[in-house]
């Protein structure tokens, strides 16, 4: 009987830190505060916890990494790029279109669409869902009856 510590036989895996995803040009989504849901780009790294971000929908400011969610999209820019040049690079790279294609972008678009619904629109959605569920239940009942 060989007694080994659990860590000796298994290599411990560690998740990469937020710092490893944070790089100049990385597209980020703000997940807290008045700019919640807006996307921007990291323009400069200030220290291990903050960075300078900028973007068409976000004013240039320092922000903590805890208030950011990193995306897989990267914009090839230089450090401390001026806002006017950044906006030009942003439109040339089609960042808004790239983000809208991601599931994250689609989720935010659906949330915004739901926020703009009126009472009548919500009622129409509810009745259509009820009709759809009724049709599905009818088909499931038919399939069960065949077995």
C-alpha atoms as a PDB file:
ATOM      1  CA  UNK A   1       0.000   0.000   0.000  1.00  0.00           C
ATOM      2  CA  UNK A   2       1.634   3.187  -1.227  1.00  0.00           C
ATOM      3  CA  UNK A   3       0.514   6.348   0.471  1.00  0.00           C
ATOM      4  CA  UNK A   4       0.981   9.331  -1.756  1.00  0.00           C
ATOM      5  CA  UNK A   5      -0.374  12.749  -1.249  1.00  0.00           C
ATOM      6  CA  UNK A   6      -3.187  13.649  -3.663  1.00  0.00           C
ATOM      7  CA  UNK A   7      -1.128  16.487  -5.095  1.00  0.00           C
ATOM      8  CA  UNK A   8       1.850  14.266  -5.832  1.00  0.00           C
ATOM      9  CA  UNK A   9       0.015  12.031  -8.286  1.00  0.00           C
ATOM     10  CA  UNK A  10      -2.101  14.774  -9.829  1.00  0.00           C
ATOM     11  CA  UNK A  11      -0.784  17.932 -11.344  1.00  0.00           C
ATOM     12  CA  UNK A  12      -2.624  20.950 -10.093  1.00  0.00           C
ATOM     13  CA  UNK A  13      -4.225  23.024 -12.809  1.00  0.00           C
ATOM     14  CA  UNK A  14      -4.557  26.715 -12.366  1.00  0.00           C
ATOM     15  CA  UNK A  15      -6.795  29.045 -14.298  1.00  0.00           C
ATOM     16  CA  UNK A  16      -5.020  31.798 -16.168  1.00  0.00           C
ATOM     17  CA  UNK A  17      -5.242  35.093 -14.341  1.00  0.00           C
ATOM     18  CA  UNK A  18      -7.256  38.043 -15.575  1.00  0.00           C
ATOM     19  CA  UNK A  19      -3.979  39.779 -16.204  1.00  0.00           C
ATOM     20  CA  UNK A  20      -3.054  37.252 -18.903  1.00  0.00           C
ATOM     21  CA  UNK A  21      -6.169  38.134 -20.912  1.00  0.00           C
ATOM     22  CA  UNK A  22      -5.643  41.838 -20.421  1.00  0.00           C
ATOM     23  CA  UNK A  23      -3.534  43.263 -23.212  1.00  0.00           C
ATOM     24  CA  UNK A  24      -3.506  46.395 -25.278  1.00  0.00           C
ATOM     25  CA  UNK A  25      -6.090  46.099 -28.020  1.00  0.00           C
ATOM     26  CA  UNK A  26      -8.293  43.536 -26.222  1.00  0.00           C
ATOM     27  CA  UNK A  27     -12.005  44.253 -26.622  1.00  0.00           C
ATOM     28  CA  UNK A  28     -13.788  44.288 -23.264  1.00  0.00           C
ATOM     29  CA  UNK A  29     -17.375  44.505 -22.097  1.00  0.00           C
ATOM     30  CA  UNK A  30     -18.125  46.592 -19.026  1.00  0.00           C
ATOM     31  CA  UNK A  31     -20.203  44.592 -16.556  1.00  0.00           C
ATOM     32  CA  UNK A  32     -20.858  47.142 -13.822  1.00  0.00           C
ATOM     33  CA  UNK A  33     -21.980  50.739 -13.415  1.00  0.00           C
ATOM     34  CA  UNK A  34     -23.552  53.260 -15.740  1.00  0.00           C
ATOM     35  CA  UNK A  35     -21.699  51.823 -18.755  1.00  0.00           C
ATOM     36  CA  UNK A  36     -22.939  48.278 -18.109  1.00  0.00           C
ATOM     37  CA  UNK A  37     -23.144  46.302 -21.382  1.00  0.00           C
ATOM     38  CA  UNK A  38     -21.013  48.724 -23.416  1.00  0.00           C
ATOM     39  CA  UNK A  39     -17.891  47.564 -25.216  1.00  0.00           C
ATOM     40  CA  UNK A  40     -14.525  49.267 -25.393  1.00  0.00           C
ATOM     41  CA  UNK A  41     -10.868  48.507 -26.006  1.00  0.00           C
ATOM     42  CA  UNK A  42      -7.902  48.475 -23.629  1.00  0.00           C
ATOM     43  CA  UNK A  43      -5.630  51.346 -24.634  1.00  0.00           C
ATOM     44  CA  UNK A  44      -3.074  51.176 -21.819  1.00  0.00           C
ATOM     45  CA  UNK A  45      -2.268  49.079 -18.771  1.00  0.00           C
ATOM     46  CA  UNK A  46      -1.849  51.202 -15.639  1.00  0.00           C
ATOM     47  CA  UNK A  47      -1.083  48.617 -12.961  1.00  0.00           C
ATOM     48  CA  UNK A  48      -2.039  45.070 -12.062  1.00  0.00           C
ATOM     49  CA  UNK A  49      -5.669  46.017 -11.348  1.00  0.00           C
ATOM     50  CA  UNK A  50      -6.563  48.927 -13.646  1.00  0.00           C
ATOM     51  CA  UNK A  51      -6.374  49.852 -17.284  1.00  0.00           C
ATOM     52  CA  UNK A  52      -7.295  52.731 -19.558  1.00  0.00           C
ATOM     53  CA  UNK A  53     -10.175  51.956 -21.906  1.00  0.00           C
ATOM     54  CA  UNK A  54     -11.751  53.849 -24.768  1.00  0.00           C
ATOM     55  CA  UNK A  55     -14.319  53.201 -27.444  1.00  0.00           C
ATOM     56  CA  UNK A  56     -17.145  54.697 -29.479  1.00  0.00           C
ATOM     57  CA  UNK A  57     -19.745  54.028 -26.767  1.00  0.00           C
ATOM     58  CA  UNK A  58     -17.418  54.537 -23.774  1.00  0.00           C
ATOM     59  CA  UNK A  59     -15.554  57.656 -22.759  1.00  0.00           C
ATOM     60  CA  UNK A  60     -11.814  57.286 -22.180  1.00  0.00           C
ATOM     61  CA  UNK A  61     -11.283  56.418 -18.516  1.00  0.00           C
ATOM     62  CA  UNK A  62      -9.454  54.272 -15.985  1.00  0.00           C
ATOM     63  CA  UNK A  63     -11.358  51.188 -14.911  1.00  0.00           C
ATOM     64  CA  UNK A  64     -10.728  48.229 -12.630  1.00  0.00           C
ATOM     65  CA  UNK A  65     -10.374  44.760 -14.180  1.00  0.00           C
ATOM     66  CA  UNK A  66     -13.134  43.472 -11.899  1.00  0.00           C
ATOM     67  CA  UNK A  67     -15.591  45.673 -13.798  1.00  0.00           C
ATOM     68  CA  UNK A  68     -14.547  44.219 -17.164  1.00  0.00           C
ATOM     69  CA  UNK A  69     -15.270  41.021 -19.013  1.00  0.00           C
ATOM     70  CA  UNK A  70     -12.704  40.119 -21.666  1.00  0.00           C
ATOM     71  CA  UNK A  71     -13.729  38.974 -25.138  1.00  0.00           C
ATOM     72  CA  UNK A  72     -11.748  36.923 -27.652  1.00  0.00           C
ATOM     73  CA  UNK A  73     -11.656  39.854 -30.089  1.00  0.00           C
ATOM     74  CA  UNK A  74      -8.430  41.829 -30.342  1.00  0.00           C
ATOM     75  CA  UNK A  75      -7.836  45.102 -32.178  1.00  0.00           C
ATOM     76  CA  UNK A  76      -4.272  45.585 -33.438  1.00  0.00           C
ATOM     77  CA  UNK A  77      -3.423  49.020 -32.005  1.00  0.00           C
ATOM     78  CA  UNK A  78      -0.466  50.740 -30.397  1.00  0.00           C
ATOM     79  CA  UNK A  79      -0.246  51.800 -26.766  1.00  0.00           C
ATOM     80  CA  UNK A  80      -2.053  55.062 -25.837  1.00  0.00           C
ATOM     81  CA  UNK A  81      -3.591  55.534 -29.272  1.00  0.00           C
ATOM     82  CA  UNK A  82      -5.544  58.782 -29.679  1.00  0.00           C
ATOM     83  CA  UNK A  83      -9.327  58.489 -29.693  1.00  0.00           C
ATOM     84  CA  UNK A  84      -9.743  59.678 -33.286  1.00  0.00           C
ATOM     85  CA  UNK A  85      -7.296  57.069 -34.605  1.00  0.00           C
ATOM     86  CA  UNK A  86      -8.840  54.421 -32.372  1.00  0.00           C
ATOM     87  CA  UNK A  87     -12.331  55.074 -33.770  1.00  0.00           C
ATOM     88  CA  UNK A  88     -10.940  54.820 -37.304  1.00  0.00           C
ATOM     89  CA  UNK A  89      -9.263  51.472 -36.526  1.00  0.00           C
ATOM     90  CA  UNK A  90     -12.460  50.320 -34.783  1.00  0.00           C
ATOM     91  CA  UNK A  91     -14.633  50.942 -37.854  1.00  0.00           C
ATOM     92  CA  UNK A  92     -12.061  49.503 -40.284  1.00  0.00           C
ATOM     93  CA  UNK A  93     -11.853  46.274 -38.261  1.00  0.00           C
ATOM     94  CA  UNK A  94     -15.662  46.089 -37.932  1.00  0.00           C
ATOM     95  CA  UNK A  95     -15.556  45.457 -34.199  1.00  0.00           C
ATOM     96  CA  UNK A  96     -19.266  46.186 -33.679  1.00  0.00           C
ATOM     97  CA  UNK A  97     -20.201  43.616 -36.347  1.00  0.00           C
ATOM     98  CA  UNK A  98     -17.766  41.036 -34.910  1.00  0.00           C
ATOM     99  CA  UNK A  99     -19.189  41.502 -31.414  1.00  0.00           C
ATOM    100  CA  UNK A 100     -22.787  41.352 -32.683  1.00  0.00           C
ATOM    101  CA  UNK A 101     -22.063  37.915 -34.217  1.00  0.00           C
ATOM    102  CA  UNK A 102     -20.965  36.441 -30.890  1.00  0.00           C
ATOM    103  CA  UNK A 103     -23.512  34.812 -28.590  1.00  0.00           C
ATOM    104  CA  UNK A 104     -22.699  37.461 -26.018  1.00  0.00           C
ATOM    105  CA  UNK A 105     -23.563  40.253 -28.456  1.00  0.00           C
ATOM    106  CA  UNK A 106     -26.778  38.500 -29.459  1.00  0.00           C
ATOM    107  CA  UNK A 107     -27.741  38.137 -25.800  1.00  0.00           C
ATOM    108  CA  UNK A 108     -27.236  41.861 -25.164  1.00  0.00           C
ATOM    109  CA  UNK A 109     -29.226  42.713 -28.330  1.00  0.00           C
ATOM    110  CA  UNK A 110     -32.113  40.486 -27.164  1.00  0.00           C
ATOM    111  CA  UNK A 111     -32.076  42.110 -23.714  1.00  0.00           C
ATOM    112  CA  UNK A 112     -32.229  45.571 -25.284  1.00  0.00           C
ATOM    113  CA  UNK A 113     -35.060  44.460 -27.585  1.00  0.00           C
ATOM    114  CA  UNK A 114     -37.041  43.145 -24.601  1.00  0.00           C
ATOM    115  CA  UNK A 115     -36.525  46.408 -22.706  1.00  0.00           C
ATOM    116  CA  UNK A 116     -38.159  48.348 -25.556  1.00  0.00           C
ATOM    117  CA  UNK A 117     -41.336  46.206 -25.697  1.00  0.00           C
ATOM    118  CA  UNK A 118     -44.628  47.845 -24.810  1.00  0.00           C
ATOM    119  CA  UNK A 119     -47.361  46.191 -22.767  1.00  0.00           C
ATOM    120  CA  UNK A 120     -49.201  45.153 -25.911  1.00  0.00           C
ATOM    121  CA  UNK A 121     -46.006  43.688 -27.424  1.00  0.00           C
ATOM    122  CA  UNK A 122     -45.440  41.628 -24.268  1.00  0.00           C
ATOM    123  CA  UNK A 123     -49.050  40.417 -24.455  1.00  0.00           C
ATOM    124  CA  UNK A 124     -48.596  39.375 -28.113  1.00  0.00           C
ATOM    125  CA  UNK A 125     -45.392  37.497 -27.236  1.00  0.00           C
ATOM    126  CA  UNK A 126     -47.182  35.713 -24.386  1.00  0.00           C
ATOM    127  CA  UNK A 127     -50.090  34.594 -26.595  1.00  0.00           C
ATOM    128  CA  UNK A 128     -47.749  33.415 -29.368  1.00  0.00           C
ATOM    129  CA  UNK A 129     -45.729  31.390 -26.844  1.00  0.00           C
ATOM    130  CA  UNK A 130     -48.935  29.810 -25.563  1.00  0.00           C
ATOM    131  CA  UNK A 131     -49.988  28.853 -29.121  1.00  0.00           C
ATOM    132  CA  UNK A 132     -46.550  27.402 -29.854  1.00  0.00           C
ATOM    133  CA  UNK A 133     -46.551  25.350 -26.646  1.00  0.00           C
ATOM    134  CA  UNK A 134     -50.037  24.049 -27.423  1.00  0.00           C
ATOM    135  CA  UNK A 135     -48.898  22.844 -30.879  1.00  0.00           C
ATOM    136  CA  UNK A 136     -45.801  21.191 -29.396  1.00  0.00           C
ATOM    137  CA  UNK A 137     -47.848  19.450 -26.688  1.00  0.00           C
ATOM    138  CA  UNK A 138     -50.282  18.175 -29.339  1.00  0.00           C
ATOM    139  CA  UNK A 139     -47.437  16.724 -31.455  1.00  0.00           C
ATOM    140  CA  UNK A 140     -45.799  15.093 -28.422  1.00  0.00           C
ATOM    141  CA  UNK A 141     -49.146  13.520 -27.489  1.00  0.00           C
ATOM    142  CA  UNK A 142     -49.531  12.160 -31.051  1.00  0.00           C
ATOM    143  CA  UNK A 143     -46.011  10.689 -30.998  1.00  0.00           C
ATOM    144  CA  UNK A 144     -46.600   9.026 -27.635  1.00  0.00           C
ATOM    145  CA  UNK A 145     -49.871   7.541 -28.922  1.00  0.00           C
ATOM    146  CA  UNK A 146     -48.043   5.937 -31.899  1.00  0.00           C
ATOM    147  CA  UNK A 147     -45.688   4.000 -29.595  1.00  0.00           C
END
